[in-house]
mmCIF file of all heavy atoms, coordinates in Angstrom:
data_MODEL
# 
_entry.id   MODEL 
# 
loop_
_atom_site.group_PDB 
_atom_site.id 
_atom_site.type_symbol 
_atom_site.label_atom_id 
_atom_site.label_alt_id 
_atom_site.label_comp_id 
_atom_site.label_asym_id 
_atom_site.label_entity_id 
_atom_site.label_seq_id 
_atom_site.pdbx_PDB_ins_code 
_atom_site.Cartn_x 
_atom_site.Cartn_y 
_atom_site.Cartn_z 
_atom_site.occupancy 
_atom_site.B_iso_or_equiv 
_atom_site.pdbx_formal_charge 
_atom_site.auth_seq_id 
_atom_site.auth_comp_id 
_atom_site.auth_asym_id 
_atom_site.auth_atom_id 
_atom_site.pdbx_PDB_model_num 
ATOM 1   N N   . LEU A 1 1  ? -12.397 -26.023 -158.633 1.00 0.00 ? 1  LEU A N   1 
ATOM 2   C CA  . LEU A 1 1  ? -12.010 -24.690 -159.101 1.00 0.00 ? 1  LEU A CA  1 
ATOM 3   C C   . LEU A 1 1  ? -13.254 -23.909 -159.521 1.00 0.00 ? 1  LEU A C   1 
ATOM 4   O O   . LEU A 1 1  ? -13.440 -22.740 -159.151 1.00 0.00 ? 1  LEU A O   1 
ATOM 5   C CB  . LEU A 1 1  ? -11.037 -24.833 -160.265 1.00 0.00 ? 1  LEU A CB  1 
ATOM 6   C CG  . LEU A 1 1  ? -10.217 -23.602 -160.663 1.00 0.00 ? 1  LEU A CG  1 
ATOM 7   C CD1 . LEU A 1 1  ? -9.195  -23.272 -159.588 1.00 0.00 ? 1  LEU A CD1 1 
ATOM 8   C CD2 . LEU A 1 1  ? -9.512  -23.851 -161.990 1.00 0.00 ? 1  LEU A CD2 1 
ATOM 9   N N   . ILE A 1 2  ? -14.131 -24.562 -160.288 1.00 0.00 ? 2  ILE A N   1 
ATOM 10  C CA  . ILE A 1 2  ? -15.377 -23.923 -160.731 1.00 0.00 ? 2  ILE A CA  1 
ATOM 11  C C   . ILE A 1 2  ? -16.292 -23.650 -159.534 1.00 0.00 ? 2  ILE A C   1 
ATOM 12  O O   . ILE A 1 2  ? -16.941 -22.598 -159.449 1.00 0.00 ? 2  ILE A O   1 
ATOM 13  C CB  . ILE A 1 2  ? -16.093 -24.816 -161.770 1.00 0.00 ? 2  ILE A CB  1 
ATOM 14  C CG1 . ILE A 1 2  ? -15.204 -24.997 -163.009 1.00 0.00 ? 2  ILE A CG1 1 
ATOM 15  C CG2 . ILE A 1 2  ? -17.442 -24.222 -162.165 1.00 0.00 ? 2  ILE A CG2 1 
ATOM 16  C CD1 . ILE A 1 2  ? -15.712 -26.033 -163.994 1.00 0.00 ? 2  ILE A CD1 1 
ATOM 17  N N   . GLN A 1 3  ? -16.334 -24.593 -158.601 1.00 0.00 ? 3  GLN A N   1 
ATOM 18  C CA  . GLN A 1 3  ? -17.160 -24.427 -157.406 1.00 0.00 ? 3  GLN A CA  1 
ATOM 19  C C   . GLN A 1 3  ? -16.680 -23.220 -156.587 1.00 0.00 ? 3  GLN A C   1 
ATOM 20  O O   . GLN A 1 3  ? -17.498 -22.436 -156.079 1.00 0.00 ? 3  GLN A O   1 
ATOM 21  C CB  . GLN A 1 3  ? -17.093 -25.693 -156.546 1.00 0.00 ? 3  GLN A CB  1 
ATOM 22  C CG  . GLN A 1 3  ? -18.057 -25.689 -155.372 1.00 0.00 ? 3  GLN A CG  1 
ATOM 23  C CD  . GLN A 1 3  ? -17.825 -26.869 -154.438 1.00 0.00 ? 3  GLN A CD  1 
ATOM 24  O OE1 . GLN A 1 3  ? -16.684 -27.289 -154.218 1.00 0.00 ? 3  GLN A OE1 1 
ATOM 25  N NE2 . GLN A 1 3  ? -18.891 -27.409 -153.882 1.00 0.00 ? 3  GLN A NE2 1 
ATOM 26  N N   . GLY A 1 4  ? -15.363 -23.045 -156.476 1.00 0.00 ? 4  GLY A N   1 
ATOM 27  C CA  . GLY A 1 4  ? -14.817 -21.900 -155.756 1.00 0.00 ? 4  GLY A CA  1 
ATOM 28  C C   . GLY A 1 4  ? -15.164 -20.579 -156.420 1.00 0.00 ? 4  GLY A C   1 
ATOM 29  O O   . GLY A 1 4  ? -15.423 -19.575 -155.743 1.00 0.00 ? 4  GLY A O   1 
ATOM 30  N N   . ALA A 1 5  ? -15.180 -20.578 -157.767 1.00 0.00 ? 5  ALA A N   1 
ATOM 31  C CA  . ALA A 1 5  ? -15.557 -19.362 -158.496 1.00 0.00 ? 5  ALA A CA  1 
ATOM 32  C C   . ALA A 1 5  ? -17.021 -19.008 -158.236 1.00 0.00 ? 5  ALA A C   1 
ATOM 33  O O   . ALA A 1 5  ? -17.369 -17.841 -158.028 1.00 0.00 ? 5  ALA A O   1 
ATOM 34  C CB  . ALA A 1 5  ? -15.311 -19.562 -159.986 1.00 0.00 ? 5  ALA A CB  1 
ATOM 35  N N   . GLY A 1 6  ? -17.896 -20.027 -158.251 1.00 0.00 ? 6  GLY A N   1 
ATOM 36  C CA  . GLY A 1 6  ? -19.313 -19.783 -157.969 1.00 0.00 ? 6  GLY A CA  1 
ATOM 37  C C   . GLY A 1 6  ? -19.533 -19.338 -156.538 1.00 0.00 ? 6  GLY A C   1 
ATOM 38  O O   . GLY A 1 6  ? -20.297 -18.403 -156.270 1.00 0.00 ? 6  GLY A O   1 
ATOM 39  N N   . GLY A 1 7  ? -18.833 -19.978 -155.603 1.00 0.00 ? 7  GLY A N   1 
ATOM 40  C CA  . GLY A 1 7  ? -19.004 -19.637 -154.191 1.00 0.00 ? 7  GLY A CA  1 
ATOM 41  C C   . GLY A 1 7  ? -18.433 -18.281 -153.831 1.00 0.00 ? 7  GLY A C   1 
ATOM 42  O O   . GLY A 1 7  ? -18.905 -17.640 -152.881 1.00 0.00 ? 7  GLY A O   1 
ATOM 43  N N   . GLY A 1 8  ? -17.433 -17.807 -154.579 1.00 0.00 ? 8  GLY A N   1 
ATOM 44  C CA  . GLY A 1 8  ? -16.793 -16.538 -154.259 1.00 0.00 ? 8  GLY A CA  1 
ATOM 45  C C   . GLY A 1 8  ? -17.713 -15.341 -154.334 1.00 0.00 ? 8  GLY A C   1 
ATOM 46  O O   . GLY A 1 8  ? -17.478 -14.334 -153.659 1.00 0.00 ? 8  GLY A O   1 
ATOM 47  N N   . GLY A 1 9  ? -18.771 -15.427 -155.152 1.00 0.00 ? 9  GLY A N   1 
ATOM 48  C CA  . GLY A 1 9  ? -19.676 -14.291 -155.284 1.00 0.00 ? 9  GLY A CA  1 
ATOM 49  C C   . GLY A 1 9  ? -20.836 -14.293 -154.318 1.00 0.00 ? 9  GLY A C   1 
ATOM 50  O O   . GLY A 1 9  ? -21.582 -13.307 -154.235 1.00 0.00 ? 9  GLY A O   1 
ATOM 51  N N   . LEU A 1 10 ? -21.021 -15.372 -153.560 1.00 0.00 ? 10 LEU A N   1 
ATOM 52  C CA  . LEU A 1 10 ? -22.201 -15.496 -152.700 1.00 0.00 ? 10 LEU A CA  1 
ATOM 53  C C   . LEU A 1 10 ? -22.119 -14.608 -151.455 1.00 0.00 ? 10 LEU A C   1 
ATOM 54  O O   . LEU A 1 10 ? -23.055 -13.864 -151.148 1.00 0.00 ? 10 LEU A O   1 
ATOM 55  C CB  . LEU A 1 10 ? -22.412 -16.959 -152.298 1.00 0.00 ? 10 LEU A CB  1 
ATOM 56  C CG  . LEU A 1 10 ? -22.751 -17.925 -153.436 1.00 0.00 ? 10 LEU A CG  1 
ATOM 57  C CD1 . LEU A 1 10 ? -22.865 -19.355 -152.918 1.00 0.00 ? 10 LEU A CD1 1 
ATOM 58  C CD2 . LEU A 1 10 ? -24.054 -17.511 -154.118 1.00 0.00 ? 10 LEU A CD2 1 
ATOM 59  N N   . GLY A 1 11 ? -21.025 -14.690 -150.707 1.00 0.00 ? 11 GLY A N   1 
ATOM 60  C CA  . GLY A 1 11 ? -20.892 -13.926 -149.472 1.00 0.00 ? 11 GLY A CA  1 
ATOM 61  C C   . GLY A 1 11 ? -20.981 -12.416 -149.675 1.00 0.00 ? 11 GLY A C   1 
ATOM 62  O O   . GLY A 1 11 ? -21.782 -11.741 -149.012 1.00 0.00 ? 11 GLY A O   1 
ATOM 63  N N   . PRO A 1 12 ? -20.166 -11.827 -150.601 1.00 0.00 ? 12 PRO A N   1 
ATOM 64  C CA  . PRO A 1 12 ? -20.253 -10.384 -150.830 1.00 0.00 ? 12 PRO A CA  1 
ATOM 65  C C   . PRO A 1 12 ? -21.637 -9.936  -151.306 1.00 0.00 ? 12 PRO A C   1 
ATOM 66  O O   . PRO A 1 12 ? -22.124 -8.885  -150.893 1.00 0.00 ? 12 PRO A O   1 
ATOM 67  C CB  . PRO A 1 12 ? -19.203 -10.147 -151.926 1.00 0.00 ? 12 PRO A CB  1 
ATOM 68  C CG  . PRO A 1 12 ? -18.258 -11.275 -151.800 1.00 0.00 ? 12 PRO A CG  1 
ATOM 69  C CD  . PRO A 1 12 ? -19.073 -12.446 -151.362 1.00 0.00 ? 12 PRO A CD  1 
ATOM 70  N N   . SER A 1 13 ? -22.259 -10.747 -152.164 1.00 0.00 ? 13 SER A N   1 
ATOM 71  C CA  . SER A 1 13 ? -23.593 -10.380 -152.665 1.00 0.00 ? 13 SER A CA  1 
ATOM 72  C C   . SER A 1 13 ? -24.605 -10.370 -151.533 1.00 0.00 ? 13 SER A C   1 
ATOM 73  O O   . SER A 1 13 ? -25.445 -9.467  -151.431 1.00 0.00 ? 13 SER A O   1 
ATOM 74  C CB  . SER A 1 13 ? -24.042 -11.365 -153.755 1.00 0.00 ? 13 SER A CB  1 
ATOM 75  O OG  . SER A 1 13 ? -23.191 -11.300 -154.869 1.00 0.00 ? 13 SER A OG  1 
ATOM 76  N N   . GLU A 1 14 ? -24.540 -11.398 -150.662 1.00 0.00 ? 14 GLU A N   1 
ATOM 77  C CA  . GLU A 1 14 ? -25.504 -11.436 -149.556 1.00 0.00 ? 14 GLU A CA  1 
ATOM 78  C C   . GLU A 1 14 ? -25.328 -10.237 -148.634 1.00 0.00 ? 14 GLU A C   1 
ATOM 79  O O   . GLU A 1 14 ? -26.299 -9.591  -148.246 1.00 0.00 ? 14 GLU A O   1 
ATOM 80  C CB  . GLU A 1 14 ? -25.347 -12.718 -148.728 1.00 0.00 ? 14 GLU A CB  1 
ATOM 81  C CG  . GLU A 1 14 ? -26.412 -12.782 -147.644 1.00 0.00 ? 14 GLU A CG  1 
ATOM 82  C CD  . GLU A 1 14 ? -26.058 -13.682 -146.474 1.00 0.00 ? 14 GLU A CD  1 
ATOM 83  O OE1 . GLU A 1 14 ? -25.159 -14.508 -146.599 1.00 0.00 ? 14 GLU A OE1 1 
ATOM 84  O OE2 . GLU A 1 14 ? -26.705 -13.536 -145.423 1.00 0.00 ? 14 GLU A OE2 1 
ATOM 85  N N   . GLN A 1 15 ? -24.087 -9.922  -148.292 1.00 0.00 ? 15 GLN A N   1 
ATOM 86  C CA  . GLN A 1 15 ? -23.848 -8.814  -147.375 1.00 0.00 ? 15 GLN A CA  1 
ATOM 87  C C   . GLN A 1 15 ? -24.347 -7.500  -147.969 1.00 0.00 ? 15 GLN A C   1 
ATOM 88  O O   . GLN A 1 15 ? -24.939 -6.670  -147.266 1.00 0.00 ? 15 GLN A O   1 
ATOM 89  C CB  . GLN A 1 15 ? -22.360 -8.725  -147.051 1.00 0.00 ? 15 GLN A CB  1 
ATOM 90  C CG  . GLN A 1 15 ? -22.051 -7.826  -145.873 1.00 0.00 ? 15 GLN A CG  1 
ATOM 91  C CD  . GLN A 1 15 ? -20.606 -7.935  -145.429 1.00 0.00 ? 15 GLN A CD  1 
ATOM 92  O OE1 . GLN A 1 15 ? -19.913 -8.877  -145.766 1.00 0.00 ? 15 GLN A OE1 1 
ATOM 93  N NE2 . GLN A 1 15 ? -20.140 -6.962  -144.665 1.00 0.00 ? 15 GLN A NE2 1 
ATOM 94  N N   . ALA A 1 16 ? -24.118 -7.304  -149.283 1.00 0.00 ? 16 ALA A N   1 
ATOM 95  C CA  . ALA A 1 16 ? -24.602 -6.087  -149.939 1.00 0.00 ? 16 ALA A CA  1 
ATOM 96  C C   . ALA A 1 16 ? -26.132 -6.064  -149.994 1.00 0.00 ? 16 ALA A C   1 
ATOM 97  O O   . ALA A 1 16 ? -26.751 -5.009  -149.815 1.00 0.00 ? 16 ALA A O   1 
ATOM 98  C CB  . ALA A 1 16 ? -24.021 -6.001  -151.352 1.00 0.00 ? 16 ALA A CB  1 
ATOM 99  N N   . ILE A 1 17 ? -26.752 -7.229  -150.237 1.00 0.00 ? 17 ILE A N   1 
ATOM 100 C CA  . ILE A 1 17 ? -28.223 -7.305  -150.257 1.00 0.00 ? 17 ILE A CA  1 
ATOM 101 C C   . ILE A 1 17 ? -28.780 -6.926  -148.887 1.00 0.00 ? 17 ILE A C   1 
ATOM 102 O O   . ILE A 1 17 ? -29.756 -6.167  -148.785 1.00 0.00 ? 17 ILE A O   1 
ATOM 103 C CB  . ILE A 1 17 ? -28.680 -8.725  -150.657 1.00 0.00 ? 17 ILE A CB  1 
ATOM 104 C CG1 . ILE A 1 17 ? -28.404 -8.967  -152.144 1.00 0.00 ? 17 ILE A CG1 1 
ATOM 105 C CG2 . ILE A 1 17 ? -30.182 -8.915  -150.381 1.00 0.00 ? 17 ILE A CG2 1 
ATOM 106 C CD1 . ILE A 1 17 ? -28.571 -10.410 -152.583 1.00 0.00 ? 17 ILE A CD1 1 
ATOM 107 N N   . LEU A 1 18 ? -28.181 -7.430  -147.816 1.00 0.00 ? 18 LEU A N   1 
ATOM 108 C CA  . LEU A 1 18 ? -28.639 -7.100  -146.462 1.00 0.00 ? 18 LEU A CA  1 
ATOM 109 C C   . LEU A 1 18 ? -28.460 -5.610  -146.176 1.00 0.00 ? 18 LEU A C   1 
ATOM 110 O O   . LEU A 1 18 ? -29.325 -4.977  -145.558 1.00 0.00 ? 18 LEU A O   1 
ATOM 111 C CB  . LEU A 1 18 ? -27.879 -7.929  -145.430 1.00 0.00 ? 18 LEU A CB  1 
ATOM 112 C CG  . LEU A 1 18 ? -28.129 -9.434  -145.430 1.00 0.00 ? 18 LEU A CG  1 
ATOM 113 C CD1 . LEU A 1 18 ? -27.245 -10.116 -144.394 1.00 0.00 ? 18 LEU A CD1 1 
ATOM 114 C CD2 . LEU A 1 18 ? -29.592 -9.756  -145.166 1.00 0.00 ? 18 LEU A CD2 1 
ATOM 115 N N   . ALA A 1 19 ? -27.325 -5.046  -146.600 1.00 0.00 ? 19 ALA A N   1 
ATOM 116 C CA  . ALA A 1 19 ? -27.059 -3.627  -146.350 1.00 0.00 ? 19 ALA A CA  1 
ATOM 117 C C   . ALA A 1 19 ? -28.087 -2.743  -147.040 1.00 0.00 ? 19 ALA A C   1 
ATOM 118 O O   . ALA A 1 19 ? -28.473 -1.690  -146.516 1.00 0.00 ? 19 ALA A O   1 
ATOM 119 C CB  . ALA A 1 19 ? -25.657 -3.270  -146.817 1.00 0.00 ? 19 ALA A CB  1 
ATOM 120 N N   . ASP A 1 20 ? -28.552 -3.149  -148.233 1.00 0.00 ? 20 ASP A N   1 
ATOM 121 C CA  . ASP A 1 20 ? -29.553 -2.364  -148.956 1.00 0.00 ? 20 ASP A CA  1 
ATOM 122 C C   . ASP A 1 20 ? -30.973 -2.642  -148.478 1.00 0.00 ? 20 ASP A C   1 
ATOM 123 O O   . ASP A 1 20 ? -31.827 -1.764  -148.495 1.00 0.00 ? 20 ASP A O   1 
ATOM 124 C CB  . ASP A 1 20 ? -29.469 -2.669  -150.460 1.00 0.00 ? 20 ASP A CB  1 
ATOM 125 C CG  . ASP A 1 20 ? -28.373 -1.874  -151.149 1.00 0.00 ? 20 ASP A CG  1 
ATOM 126 O OD1 . ASP A 1 20 ? -28.001 -0.813  -150.607 1.00 0.00 ? 20 ASP A OD1 1 
ATOM 127 O OD2 . ASP A 1 20 ? -27.894 -2.305  -152.206 1.00 0.00 ? 20 ASP A OD2 1 
ATOM 128 N N   . THR A 1 21 ? -31.235 -3.886  -148.051 1.00 0.00 ? 21 THR A N   1 
ATOM 129 C CA  . THR A 1 21 ? -32.591 -4.282  -147.673 1.00 0.00 ? 21 THR A CA  1 
ATOM 130 C C   . THR A 1 21 ? -33.009 -3.678  -146.331 1.00 0.00 ? 21 THR A C   1 
ATOM 131 O O   . THR A 1 21 ? -34.177 -3.315  -146.143 1.00 0.00 ? 21 THR A O   1 
ATOM 132 C CB  . THR A 1 21 ? -32.685 -5.821  -147.597 1.00 0.00 ? 21 THR A CB  1 
ATOM 133 O OG1 . THR A 1 21 ? -32.368 -6.368  -148.889 1.00 0.00 ? 21 THR A OG1 1 
ATOM 134 C CG2 . THR A 1 21 ? -34.082 -6.264  -147.200 1.00 0.00 ? 21 THR A CG2 1 
ATOM 135 N N   . PHE A 1 22 ? -32.060 -3.582  -145.401 1.00 0.00 ? 22 PHE A N   1 
ATOM 136 C CA  . PHE A 1 22 ? -32.382 -3.098  -144.053 1.00 0.00 ? 22 PHE A CA  1 
ATOM 137 C C   . PHE A 1 22 ? -31.950 -1.651  -143.868 1.00 0.00 ? 22 PHE A C   1 
ATOM 138 O O   . PHE A 1 22 ? -30.943 -1.213  -144.430 1.00 0.00 ? 22 PHE A O   1 
ATOM 139 C CB  . PHE A 1 22 ? -31.691 -3.971  -143.002 1.00 0.00 ? 22 PHE A CB  1 
ATOM 140 C CG  . PHE A 1 22 ? -32.280 -5.343  -142.867 1.00 0.00 ? 22 PHE A CG  1 
ATOM 141 C CD1 . PHE A 1 22 ? -31.882 -6.371  -143.715 1.00 0.00 ? 22 PHE A CD1 1 
ATOM 142 C CD2 . PHE A 1 22 ? -33.243 -5.612  -141.915 1.00 0.00 ? 22 PHE A CD2 1 
ATOM 143 C CE1 . PHE A 1 22 ? -32.424 -7.643  -143.606 1.00 0.00 ? 22 PHE A CE1 1 
ATOM 144 C CE2 . PHE A 1 22 ? -33.790 -6.875  -141.786 1.00 0.00 ? 22 PHE A CE2 1 
ATOM 145 C CZ  . PHE A 1 22 ? -33.389 -7.895  -142.633 1.00 0.00 ? 22 PHE A CZ  1 
ATOM 146 N N   . GLU A 1 23 ? -32.703 -0.936  -143.048 1.00 0.00 ? 23 GLU A N   1 
ATOM 147 C CA  . GLU A 1 23 ? -32.309 0.411   -142.668 1.00 0.00 ? 23 GLU A CA  1 
ATOM 148 C C   . GLU A 1 23 ? -31.009 0.337   -141.866 1.00 0.00 ? 23 GLU A C   1 
ATOM 149 O O   . GLU A 1 23 ? -30.755 -0.665  -141.188 1.00 0.00 ? 23 GLU A O   1 
ATOM 150 C CB  . GLU A 1 23 ? -33.397 1.057   -141.809 1.00 0.00 ? 23 GLU A CB  1 
ATOM 151 C CG  . GLU A 1 23 ? -34.731 1.229   -142.522 1.00 0.00 ? 23 GLU A CG  1 
ATOM 152 C CD  . GLU A 1 23 ? -35.779 1.807   -141.585 1.00 0.00 ? 23 GLU A CD  1 
ATOM 153 O OE1 . GLU A 1 23 ? -35.392 2.327   -140.515 1.00 0.00 ? 23 GLU A OE1 1 
ATOM 154 O OE2 . GLU A 1 23 ? -36.969 1.737   -141.914 1.00 0.00 ? 23 GLU A OE2 1 
ATOM 155 N N   . PRO A 1 24 ? -30.185 1.390   -141.922 1.00 0.00 ? 24 PRO A N   1 
ATOM 156 C CA  . PRO A 1 24 ? -28.912 1.350   -141.192 1.00 0.00 ? 24 PRO A CA  1 
ATOM 157 C C   . PRO A 1 24 ? -29.054 0.978   -139.724 1.00 0.00 ? 24 PRO A C   1 
ATOM 158 O O   . PRO A 1 24 ? -28.203 0.264   -139.182 1.00 0.00 ? 24 PRO A O   1 
ATOM 159 C CB  . PRO A 1 24 ? -28.388 2.784   -141.356 1.00 0.00 ? 24 PRO A CB  1 
ATOM 160 C CG  . PRO A 1 24 ? -28.949 3.226   -142.664 1.00 0.00 ? 24 PRO A CG  1 
ATOM 161 C CD  . PRO A 1 24 ? -30.309 2.595   -142.758 1.00 0.00 ? 24 PRO A CD  1 
# 
């Protein structure tokens, strides 16, 4: 349960980081 909570924030954060890091 705790592992799922930690893992739940990884995918959205990475996608947002990529969207900000790279030009459109």
